PDB file of all heavy atoms in Angstrom:
ATOM      1  N   SER A   1      65.963  73.347 205.642  1.00  0.00           N
ATOM      2  CA  SER A   1      66.361  72.554 206.803  1.00  0.00           C
ATOM      3  C   SER A   1      66.368  73.426 208.051  1.00  0.00           C
ATOM      4  O   SER A   1      67.085  74.433 208.107  1.00  0.00           O
ATOM      5  CB  SER A   1      67.747  71.946 206.583  1.00  0.00           C
ATOM      6  OG  SER A   1      68.260  71.404 207.776  1.00  0.00           O
ATOM      7  N   ALA A   2      65.576  73.029 209.051  1.00  0.00           N
ATOM      8  CA  ALA A   2      65.539  73.789 210.297  1.00  0.00           C
ATOM      9  C   ALA A   2      66.871  73.693 211.034  1.00  0.00           C
ATOM     10  O   ALA A   2      67.336  74.669 211.634  1.00  0.00           O
ATOM     11  CB  ALA A   2      64.407  73.276 211.181  1.00  0.00           C
ATOM     12  N   ARG A   3      67.493  72.531 210.990  1.00  0.00           N
ATOM     13  CA  ARG A   3      68.780  72.361 211.679  1.00  0.00           C
ATOM     14  C   ARG A   3      69.851  73.242 211.058  1.00  0.00           C
ATOM     15  O   ARG A   3      70.597  73.920 211.768  1.00  0.00           O
ATOM     16  CB  ARG A   3      69.200  70.893 211.626  1.00  0.00           C
ATOM     17  CG  ARG A   3      70.532  70.607 212.288  1.00  0.00           C
ATOM     18  CD  ARG A   3      70.835  69.125 212.309  1.00  0.00           C
ATOM     19  NE  ARG A   3      69.832  68.393 213.093  1.00  0.00           N
ATOM     20  CZ  ARG A   3      69.870  67.086 213.293  1.00  0.00           C
ATOM     21  NH1 ARG A   3      70.843  66.351 212.756  1.00  0.00           N
ATOM     22  NH2 ARG A   3      68.932  66.495 214.014  1.00  0.00           N
ATOM     23  N   SER A   4      69.926  73.238 209.737  1.00  0.00           N
ATOM     24  CA  SER A   4      70.914  74.102 209.069  1.00  0.00           C
ATOM     25  C   SER A   4      70.605  75.573 209.313  1.00  0.00           C
ATOM     26  O   SER A   4      71.516  76.384 209.478  1.00  0.00           O
ATOM     27  CB  SER A   4      70.929  73.815 207.563  1.00  0.00           C
ATOM     28  OG  SER A   4      71.344  72.492 207.301  1.00  0.00           O
ATOM     29  N   GLY A   5      69.312  75.914 209.347  1.00  0.00           N
ATOM     30  CA  GLY A   5      68.933  77.297 209.618  1.00  0.00           C
ATOM     31  C   GLY A   5      69.352  77.746 211.007  1.00  0.00           C
ATOM     32  O   GLY A   5      69.811  78.880 211.198  1.00  0.00           O
ATOM     33  N   PHE A   6      69.201  76.866 211.995  1.00  0.00           N
ATOM     34  CA  PHE A   6      69.609  77.205 213.361  1.00  0.00           C
ATOM     35  C   PHE A   6      71.122  77.388 213.443  1.00  0.00           C
ATOM     36  O   PHE A   6      71.610  78.349 214.055  1.00  0.00           O
ATOM     37  CB  PHE A   6      69.165  76.093 214.311  1.00  0.00           C
ATOM     38  CG  PHE A   6      69.631  76.282 215.734  1.00  0.00           C
ATOM     39  CD1 PHE A   6      69.056  77.254 216.545  1.00  0.00           C
ATOM     40  CD2 PHE A   6      70.654  75.497 216.242  1.00  0.00           C
ATOM     41  CE1 PHE A   6      69.501  77.435 217.855  1.00  0.00           C
ATOM     42  CE2 PHE A   6      71.098  75.672 217.542  1.00  0.00           C
ATOM     43  CZ  PHE A   6      70.522  76.644 218.358  1.00  0.00           C
ATOM     44  N   LYS A   7      71.875  76.503 212.810  1.00  0.00           N
ATOM     45  CA  LYS A   7      73.335  76.633 212.826  1.00  0.00           C
ATOM     46  C   LYS A   7      73.782  77.889 212.075  1.00  0.00           C
ATOM     47  O   LYS A   7      74.734  78.560 212.489  1.00  0.00           O
ATOM     48  CB  LYS A   7      73.968  75.382 212.215  1.00  0.00           C
ATOM     49  CG  LYS A   7      73.799  74.141 213.093  1.00  0.00           C
ATOM     50  CD  LYS A   7      74.580  72.953 212.557  1.00  0.00           C
ATOM     51  CE  LYS A   7      73.963  72.379 211.309  1.00  0.00           C
ATOM     52  NZ  LYS A   7      74.617  71.105 210.907  1.00  0.00           N
ATOM     53  N   ALA A   8      73.093  78.208 210.979  1.00  0.00           N
ATOM     54  CA  ALA A   8      73.424  79.434 210.246  1.00  0.00           C
ATOM     55  C   ALA A   8      73.173  80.666 211.093  1.00  0.00           C
ATOM     56  O   ALA A   8      73.949  81.638 211.056  1.00  0.00           O
ATOM     57  CB  ALA A   8      72.611  79.504 208.952  1.00  0.00           C
ATOM     58  N   ALA A   9      72.089  80.659 211.882  1.00  0.00           N
ATOM     59  CA  ALA A   9      71.794  81.784 212.766  1.00  0.00           C
ATOM     60  C   ALA A   9      72.915  81.971 213.798  1.00  0.00           C
ATOM     61  O   ALA A   9      73.317  83.100 214.099  1.00  0.00           O
ATOM     62  CB  ALA A   9      70.456  81.577 213.466  1.00  0.00           C
ATOM     63  N   LEU A  10      73.437  80.857 214.330  1.00  0.00           N
ATOM     64  CA  LEU A  10      74.547  80.940 215.284  1.00  0.00           C
ATOM     65  C   LEU A  10      75.787  81.546 214.623  1.00  0.00           C
ATOM     66  O   LEU A  10      76.466  82.402 215.209  1.00  0.00           O
ATOM     67  CB  LEU A  10      74.867  79.554 215.831  1.00  0.00           C
ATOM     68  CG  LEU A  10      73.821  78.892 216.737  1.00  0.00           C
ATOM     69  CD1 LEU A  10      74.296  77.509 217.172  1.00  0.00           C
ATOM     70  CD2 LEU A  10      73.552  79.769 217.958  1.00  0.00           C
ATOM     71  N   VAL A  11      76.087  81.091 213.415  1.00  0.00           N
ATOM     72  CA  VAL A  11      77.250  81.622 212.696  1.00  0.00           C
ATOM     73  C   VAL A  11      77.094  83.111 212.445  1.00  0.00           C
ATOM     74  O   VAL A  11      78.028  83.913 212.664  1.00  0.00           O
ATOM     75  CB  VAL A  11      77.446  80.872 211.366  1.00  0.00           C
ATOM     76  CG1 VAL A  11      78.487  81.578 210.490  1.00  0.00           C
ATOM     77  CG2 VAL A  11      77.866  79.434 211.630  1.00  0.00           C
ATOM     78  N   ASN A  12      75.916  83.511 212.001  1.00  0.00           N
ATOM     79  CA  ASN A  12      75.695  84.910 211.654  1.00  0.00           C
ATOM     80  C   ASN A  12      75.706  85.820 212.877  1.00  0.00           C
ATOM     81  O   ASN A  12      76.307  86.904 212.850  1.00  0.00           O
ATOM     82  CB  ASN A  12      74.361  85.051 210.911  1.00  0.00           C
ATOM     83  CG  ASN A  12      74.414  84.437 209.523  1.00  0.00           C
ATOM     84  OD1 ASN A  12      75.410  84.538 208.818  1.00  0.00           O
ATOM     85  ND2 ASN A  12      73.339  83.781 209.123  1.00  0.00           N
ATOM     86  N   VAL A  13      75.051  85.413 213.947  1.00  0.00           N
ATOM     87  CA  VAL A  13      75.008  86.272 215.130  1.00  0.00           C
ATOM     88  C   VAL A  13      76.393  86.385 215.753  1.00  0.00           C
ATOM     89  O   VAL A  13      76.788  87.460 216.244  1.00  0.00           O
ATOM     90  CB  VAL A  13      73.959  85.744 216.147  1.00  0.00           C
ATOM     91  CG1 VAL A  13      74.450  84.499 216.870  1.00  0.00           C
ATOM     92  CG2 VAL A  13      73.611  86.824 217.160  1.00  0.00           C
ATOM     93  N   ALA A  14      77.175  85.292 215.740  1.00  0.00           N
ATOM     94  CA  ALA A  14      78.531  85.352 216.269  1.00  0.00           C
ATOM     95  C   ALA A  14      79.435  86.220 215.394  1.00  0.00           C
ATOM     96  O   ALA A  14      80.255  87.001 215.896  1.00  0.00           O
ATOM     97  CB  ALA A  14      79.106  83.945 216.388  1.00  0.00           C
ATOM     98  N   SER A  15      79.287  86.093 214.068  1.00  0.00           N
ATOM     99  CA  SER A  15      80.109  86.894 213.150  1.00  0.00           C
ATOM    100  C   SER A  15      79.866  88.381 213.352  1.00  0.00           C
ATOM    101  O   SER A  15      80.814  89.176 213.484  1.00  0.00           O
ATOM    102  CB  SER A  15      79.802  86.507 211.702  1.00  0.00           C
ATOM    103  OG  SER A  15      80.129  85.160 211.441  1.00  0.00           O
ATOM    104  N   LEU A  16      78.594  88.778 213.386  1.00  0.00           N
ATOM    105  CA  LEU A  16      78.267  90.194 213.522  1.00  0.00           C
ATOM    106  C   LEU A  16      78.618  90.703 214.912  1.00  0.00           C
ATOM    107  O   LEU A  16      79.048  91.853 215.072  1.00  0.00           O
ATOM    108  CB  LEU A  16      76.780  90.404 213.223  1.00  0.00           C
ATOM    109  CG  LEU A  16      76.339  90.038 211.802  1.00  0.00           C
ATOM    110  CD1 LEU A  16      74.833  90.074 211.682  1.00  0.00           C
ATOM    111  CD2 LEU A  16      76.976  90.982 210.792  1.00  0.00           C
ATOM    112  N   GLY A  17      78.456  89.861 215.931  1.00  0.00           N
ATOM    113  CA  GLY A  17      78.780  90.290 217.286  1.00  0.00           C
ATOM    114  C   GLY A  17      80.256  90.550 217.485  1.00  0.00           C
ATOM    115  O   GLY A  17      80.635  91.444 218.254  1.00  0.00           O
ATOM    116  N   CYS A  18      81.101  89.782 216.779  1.00  0.00           N
ATOM    117  CA  CYS A  18      82.545  89.993 216.943  1.00  0.00           C
ATOM    118  C   CYS A  18      83.100  90.989 215.936  1.00  0.00           C
ATOM    119  O   CYS A  18      84.314  91.175 215.865  1.00  0.00           O
ATOM    120  CB  CYS A  18      83.294  88.668 216.870  1.00  0.00           C
ATOM    121  SG  CYS A  18      83.353  87.911 215.246  1.00  0.00           S
ATOM    122  N   GLY A  19      82.228  91.619 215.145  1.00  0.00           N
ATOM    123  CA  GLY A  19      82.679  92.748 214.339  1.00  0.00           C
ATOM    124  C   GLY A  19      82.693  92.575 212.844  1.00  0.00           C
ATOM    125  O   GLY A  19      83.159  93.476 212.131  1.00  0.00           O
ATOM    126  N   ALA A  20      82.197  91.455 212.302  1.00  0.00           N
ATOM    127  CA  ALA A  20      82.174  91.282 210.846  1.00  0.00           C
ATOM    128  C   ALA A  20      81.471  92.463 210.193  1.00  0.00           C
ATOM    129  O   ALA A  20      80.392  92.866 210.611  1.00  0.00           O
ATOM    130  CB  ALA A  20      81.463  89.980 210.477  1.00  0.00           C
ATOM    131  N   SER A  21      82.075  92.996 209.148  1.00  0.00           N
ATOM    132  CA  SER A  21      81.569  94.216 208.514  1.00  0.00           C
ATOM    133  C   SER A  21      80.465  93.886 207.512  1.00  0.00           C
ATOM    134  O   SER A  21      80.548  94.210 206.327  1.00  0.00           O
ATOM    135  CB  SER A  21      82.718  94.953 207.820  1.00  0.00           C
ATOM    136  OG  SER A  21      82.355  96.278 207.497  1.00  0.00           O
ATOM    137  N   LEU A  22      79.413  93.236 208.021  1.00  0.00           N
ATOM    138  CA  LEU A  22      78.294  92.806 207.198  1.00  0.00           C
ATOM    139  C   LEU A  22      76.988  93.212 207.872  1.00  0.00           C
ATOM    140  O   LEU A  22      76.993  94.000 208.811  1.00  0.00           O
ATOM    141  CB  LEU A  22      78.363  91.287 206.966  1.00  0.00           C
ATOM    142  CG  LEU A  22      79.589  90.803 206.175  1.00  0.00           C
ATOM    143  CD1 LEU A  22      79.662  89.291 206.153  1.00  0.00           C
ATOM    144  CD2 LEU A  22      79.576  91.350 204.752  1.00  0.00           C
ATOM    145  N   GLY A  23      75.853  92.662 207.400  1.00  0.00           N
ATOM    146  CA  GLY A  23      74.556  93.118 207.885  1.00  0.00           C
ATOM    147  C   GLY A  23      73.774  92.047 208.598  1.00  0.00           C
ATOM    148  O   GLY A  23      74.022  90.847 208.423  1.00  0.00           O
ATOM    149  N   ARG A  24      72.796  92.456 209.391  1.00  0.00           N
ATOM    150  CA  ARG A  24      71.983  91.517 210.162  1.00  0.00           C
ATOM    151  C   ARG A  24      70.650  91.197 209.492  1.00  0.00           C
ATOM    152  O   ARG A  24      69.978  90.241 209.890  1.00  0.00           O
ATOM    153  CB  ARG A  24      71.738  92.069 211.564  1.00  0.00           C
ATOM    154  CG  ARG A  24      70.776  93.246 211.626  1.00  0.00           C
ATOM    155  CD  ARG A  24      70.716  93.845 213.021  1.00  0.00           C
ATOM    156  NE  ARG A  24      69.757  94.948 213.097  1.00  0.00           N
ATOM    157  CZ  ARG A  24      69.819  95.916 214.004  1.00  0.00           C
ATOM    158  NH1 ARG A  24      70.784  95.915 214.906  1.00  0.00           N
ATOM    159  NH2 ARG A  24      68.907  96.879 214.013  1.00  0.00           N
ATOM    160  N   GLU A  25      70.225  91.970 208.514  1.00  0.00           N
ATOM    161  CA  GLU A  25      68.905  91.747 207.922  1.00  0.00           C
ATOM    162  C   GLU A  25      68.849  90.453 207.125  1.00  0.00           C
ATOM    163  O   GLU A  25      67.876  89.705 207.220  1.00  0.00           O
ATOM    164  CB  GLU A  25      68.523  92.932 207.025  1.00  0.00           C
ATOM    165  CG  GLU A  25      68.320  94.236 207.759  1.00  0.00           C
ATOM    166  CD  GLU A  25      69.627  94.920 208.088  1.00  0.00           C
ATOM    167  OE1 GLU A  25      70.658  94.564 207.482  1.00  0.00           O
ATOM    168  OE2 GLU A  25      69.640  95.807 208.970  1.00  0.00           O
ATOM    169  N   GLY A  26      69.885  90.165 206.320  1.00  0.00           N
ATOM    170  CA  GLY A  26      69.915  88.929 205.546  1.00  0.00           C
ATOM    171  C   GLY A  26      69.819  87.688 206.422  1.00  0.00           C
ATOM    172  O   GLY A  26      69.025  86.787 206.148  1.00  0.00           O
ATOM    173  N   PRO A  27      70.633  87.596 207.494  1.00  0.00           N
ATOM    174  CA  PRO A  27      70.494  86.451 208.398  1.00  0.00           C
ATOM    175  C   PRO A  27      69.111  86.340 209.033  1.00  0.00           C
ATOM    176  O   PRO A  27      68.599  85.233 209.216  1.00  0.00           O
ATOM    177  CB  PRO A  27      71.564  86.725 209.463  1.00  0.00           C
ATOM    178  CG  PRO A  27      72.599  87.524 208.760  1.00  0.00           C
ATOM    179  CD  PRO A  27      71.839  88.381 207.795  1.00  0.00           C
ATOM    180  N   VAL A  28      68.506  87.477 209.385  1.00  0.00           N
ATOM    181  CA  VAL A  28      67.167  87.436 209.963  1.00  0.00           C
ATOM    182  C   VAL A  28      66.158  86.949 208.926  1.00  0.00           C
ATOM    183  O   VAL A  28      65.227  86.190 209.244  1.00  0.00           O
ATOM    184  CB  VAL A  28      66.771  88.816 210.527  1.00  0.00           C
ATOM    185  CG1 VAL A  28      65.324  88.811 211.006  1.00  0.00           C
ATOM    186  CG2 VAL A  28      67.688  89.213 211.677  1.00  0.00           C
ATOM    187  N   VAL A  29      66.334  87.358 207.667  1.00  0.00           N
ATOM    188  CA  VAL A  29      65.466  86.878 206.587  1.00  0.00           C
ATOM    189  C   VAL A  29      65.588  85.360 206.444  1.00  0.00           C
ATOM    190  O   VAL A  29      64.588  84.648 206.314  1.00  0.00           O
ATOM    191  CB  VAL A  29      65.810  87.585 205.260  1.00  0.00           C
ATOM    192  CG1 VAL A  29      65.178  86.850 204.080  1.00  0.00           C
ATOM    193  CG2 VAL A  29      65.331  89.024 205.293  1.00  0.00           C
ATOM    194  N   HIS A  30      66.818  84.859 206.452  1.00  0.00           N
ATOM    195  CA  HIS A  30      67.017  83.406 206.346  1.00  0.00           C
ATOM    196  C   HIS A  30      66.382  82.694 207.530  1.00  0.00           C
ATOM    197  O   HIS A  30      65.741  81.643 207.368  1.00  0.00           O
ATOM    198  CB  HIS A  30      68.511  83.086 206.273  1.00  0.00           C
ATOM    199  CG  HIS A  30      68.803  81.633 206.063  1.00  0.00           C
ATOM    200  ND1 HIS A  30      68.912  80.729 207.096  1.00  0.00           N
ATOM    201  CD2 HIS A  30      68.970  80.916 204.916  1.00  0.00           C
ATOM    202  CE1 HIS A  30      69.159  79.531 206.610  1.00  0.00           C
ATOM    203  NE2 HIS A  30      69.199  79.612 205.290  1.00  0.00           N
ATOM    204  N   MET A  31      66.534  83.252 208.696  1.00  0.00           N
ATOM    205  CA  MET A  31      65.943  82.662 209.891  1.00  0.00           C
ATOM    206  C   MET A  31      64.419  82.679 209.806  1.00  0.00           C
ATOM    207  O   MET A  31      63.749  81.696 210.155  1.00  0.00           O
ATOM    208  CB  MET A  31      66.413  83.430 211.132  1.00  0.00           C
ATOM    209  CG  MET A  31      65.964  82.852 212.456  1.00  0.00           C
ATOM    210  SD  MET A  31      66.738  83.739 213.828  1.00  0.00           S
ATOM    211  CE  MET A  31      66.126  85.405 213.523  1.00  0.00           C
ATOM    212  N   GLY A  32      63.853  83.775 209.314  1.00  0.00           N
ATOM    213  CA  GLY A  32      62.407  83.858 209.159  1.00  0.00           C
ATOM    214  C   GLY A  32      61.879  82.847 208.164  1.00  0.00           C
ATOM    215  O   GLY A  32      60.849  82.195 208.399  1.00  0.00           O
ATOM    216  N   ALA A  33      62.565  82.697 207.040  1.00  0.00           N
ATOM    217  CA  ALA A  33      62.147  81.713 206.047  1.00  0.00           C
ATOM    218  C   ALA A  33      62.248  80.297 206.608  1.00  0.00           C
ATOM    219  O   ALA A  33      61.402  79.436 206.322  1.00  0.00           O
ATOM    220  CB  ALA A  33      63.012  81.845 204.799  1.00  0.00           C
ATOM    221  N   THR A  34      63.270  80.058 207.414  1.00  0.00           N
ATOM    222  CA  THR A  34      63.429  78.737 208.026  1.00  0.00           C
ATOM    223  C   THR A  34      62.269  78.418 208.957  1.00  0.00           C
ATOM    224  O   THR A  34      61.768  77.287 208.991  1.00  0.00           O
ATOM    225  CB  THR A  34      64.758  78.677 208.804  1.00  0.00           C
ATOM    226  OG1 THR A  34      65.847  78.929 207.910  1.00  0.00           O
ATOM    227  CG2 THR A  34      64.948  77.309 209.439  1.00  0.00           C
ATOM    228  N   ILE A  35      61.820  79.412 209.713  1.00  0.00           N
ATOM    229  CA  ILE A  35      60.689  79.201 210.624  1.00  0.00           C
ATOM    230  C   ILE A  35      59.419  78.883 209.835  1.00  0.00           C
ATOM    231  O   ILE A  35      58.656  77.984 210.187  1.00  0.00           O
ATOM    232  CB  ILE A  35      60.493  80.439 211.515  1.00  0.00           C
ATOM    233  CG1 ILE A  35      61.664  80.557 212.497  1.00  0.00           C
ATOM    234  CG2 ILE A  35      59.167  80.368 212.277  1.00  0.00           C
ATOM    235  CD1 ILE A  35      61.654  81.828 213.312  1.00  0.00           C
ATOM    236  N   GLY A  36      59.182  79.626 208.752  1.00  0.00           N
ATOM    237  CA  GLY A  36      58.020  79.338 207.912  1.00  0.00           C
ATOM    238  C   GLY A  36      58.086  77.946 207.321  1.00  0.00           C
ATOM    239  O   GLY A  36      57.080  77.222 207.281  1.00  0.00           O
ATOM    240  N   SER A  37      59.266  77.527 206.876  1.00  0.00           N
ATOM    241  CA  SER A  37      59.434  76.194 206.308  1.00  0.00           C
ATOM    242  C   SER A  37      59.269  75.118 207.382  1.00  0.00           C
ATOM    243  O   SER A  37      58.702  74.051 207.116  1.00  0.00           O
ATOM    244  CB  SER A  37      60.814  76.083 205.666  1.00  0.00           C
ATOM    245  OG  SER A  37      61.035  74.801 205.140  1.00  0.00           O
ATOM    246  N   TRP A  38      59.761  75.397 208.582  1.00  0.00           N
ATOM    247  CA  TRP A  38      59.618  74.430 209.681  1.00  0.00           C
ATOM    248  C   TRP A  38      58.149  74.170 209.995  1.00  0.00           C
ATOM    249  O   TRP A  38      57.733  73.016 210.159  1.00  0.00           O
ATOM    250  CB  TRP A  38      60.340  74.963 210.914  1.00  0.00           C
ATOM    251  CG  TRP A  38      60.008  74.214 212.169  1.00  0.00           C
ATOM    252  CD1 TRP A  38      60.514  73.012 212.569  1.00  0.00           C
ATOM    253  CD2 TRP A  38      59.063  74.607 213.172  1.00  0.00           C
ATOM    254  NE1 TRP A  38      59.954  72.639 213.767  1.00  0.00           N
ATOM    255  CE2 TRP A  38      59.059  73.590 214.169  1.00  0.00           C
ATOM    256  CE3 TRP A  38      58.234  75.713 213.342  1.00  0.00           C
ATOM    257  CZ2 TRP A  38      58.253  73.673 215.291  1.00  0.00           C
ATOM    258  CZ3 TRP A  38      57.433  75.790 214.467  1.00  0.00           C
ATOM    259  CH2 TRP A  38      57.444  74.774 215.423  1.00  0.00           C
ATOM    260  N   LEU A  39      57.341  75.223 210.071  1.00  0.00           N
ATOM    261  CA  LEU A  39      55.917  75.045 210.344  1.00  0.00           C
ATOM    262  C   LEU A  39      55.247  74.271 209.209  1.00  0.00           C
ATOM    263  O   LEU A  39      54.350  73.447 209.444  1.00  0.00           O
ATOM    264  CB  LEU A  39      55.248  76.402 210.532  1.00  0.00           C
ATOM    265  CG  LEU A  39      53.782  76.376 210.983  1.00  0.00           C
ATOM    266  CD1 LEU A  39      53.653  75.681 212.331  1.00  0.00           C
ATOM    267  CD2 LEU A  39      53.223  77.790 211.063  1.00  0.00           C
ATOM    268  N   THR A  40      55.680  74.511 208.000  1.00  0.00           N
ATOM    269  CA  THR A  40      55.155  73.771 206.846  1.00  0.00           C
ATOM    270  C   THR A  40      55.395  72.272 207.005  1.00  0.00           C
ATOM    271  O   THR A  40      54.510  71.457 206.751  1.00  0.00           O
ATOM    272  CB  THR A  40      55.838  74.268 205.559  1.00  0.00           C
ATOM    273  OG1 THR A  40      55.451  75.612 205.313  1.00  0.00           O
ATOM    274  CG2 THR A  40      55.444  73.408 204.373  1.00  0.00           C
ATOM    275  N   ARG A  41      56.612  71.934 207.414  1.00  0.00           N
ATOM    276  CA  ARG A  41      56.947  70.517 207.556  1.00  0.00           C
ATOM    277  C   ARG A  41      56.204  69.880 208.732  1.00  0.00           C
ATOM    278  O   ARG A  41      55.754  68.737 208.642  1.00  0.00           O
ATOM    279  CB  ARG A  41      58.456  70.366 207.743  1.00  0.00           C
ATOM    280  CG  ARG A  41      58.925  68.920 207.738  1.00  0.00           C
ATOM    281  CD  ARG A  41      60.432  68.801 207.670  1.00  0.00           C
ATOM    282  NE  ARG A  41      61.087  69.475 208.773  1.00  0.00           N
ATOM    283  CZ  ARG A  41      61.700  70.649 208.681  1.00  0.00           C
ATOM    284  NH1 ARG A  41      61.731  71.284 207.510  1.00  0.00           N
ATOM    285  NH2 ARG A  41      62.282  71.195 209.717  1.00  0.00           N
ATOM    286  N   VAL A  42      56.064  70.602 209.821  1.00  0.00           N
ATOM    287  CA  VAL A  42      55.370  70.070 210.991  1.00  0.00           C
ATOM    288  C   VAL A  42      53.918  69.744 210.665  1.00  0.00           C
ATOM    289  O   VAL A  42      53.371  68.720 211.095  1.00  0.00           O
ATOM    290  CB  VAL A  42      55.451  71.065 212.166  1.00  0.00           C
ATOM    291  CG1 VAL A  42      54.507  70.664 213.299  1.00  0.00           C
ATOM    292  CG2 VAL A  42      56.881  71.148 212.691  1.00  0.00           C
ATOM    293  N   LEU A  43      53.276  70.607 209.881  1.00  0.00           N
ATOM    294  CA  LEU A  43      51.866  70.428 209.546  1.00  0.00           C
ATOM    295  C   LEU A  43      51.650  69.681 208.232  1.00  0.00           C
ATOM    296  O   LEU A  43      50.512  69.503 207.812  1.00  0.00           O
ATOM    297  CB  LEU A  43      51.166  71.790 209.474  1.00  0.00           C
ATOM    298  CG  LEU A  43      51.190  72.616 210.770  1.00  0.00           C
ATOM    299  CD1 LEU A  43      50.520  73.959 210.552  1.00  0.00           C
ATOM    300  CD2 LEU A  43      50.518  71.860 211.901  1.00  0.00           C
ATOM    301  N   HIS A  44      52.746  69.272 207.570  1.00  0.00           N
ATOM    302  CA  HIS A  44      52.657  68.508 206.319  1.00  0.00           C
ATOM    303  C   HIS A  44      51.844  69.270 205.266  1.00  0.00           C
ATOM    304  O   HIS A  44      50.942  68.704 204.630  1.00  0.00           O
ATOM    305  CB  HIS A  44      52.043  67.128 206.566  1.00  0.00           C
ATOM    306  CG  HIS A  44      52.786  66.310 207.584  1.00  0.00           C
ATOM    307  ND1 HIS A  44      53.996  65.721 207.316  1.00  0.00           N
ATOM    308  CD2 HIS A  44      52.491  66.006 208.877  1.00  0.00           C
ATOM    309  CE1 HIS A  44      54.420  65.067 208.387  1.00  0.00           C
ATOM    310  NE2 HIS A  44      53.528  65.233 209.356  1.00  0.00           N
TER     311      HIS A  44
END
């Protein structure tokens, strides 16, 4: 879901920006996969 992926990106960037002791690579991976899936759906 592109919508869920966008909301997840907001949650992750806000969490890490305010100091959550976690990593940024996993959220970027999820965001990247969401973009690939979005293009798949657009082009059927």
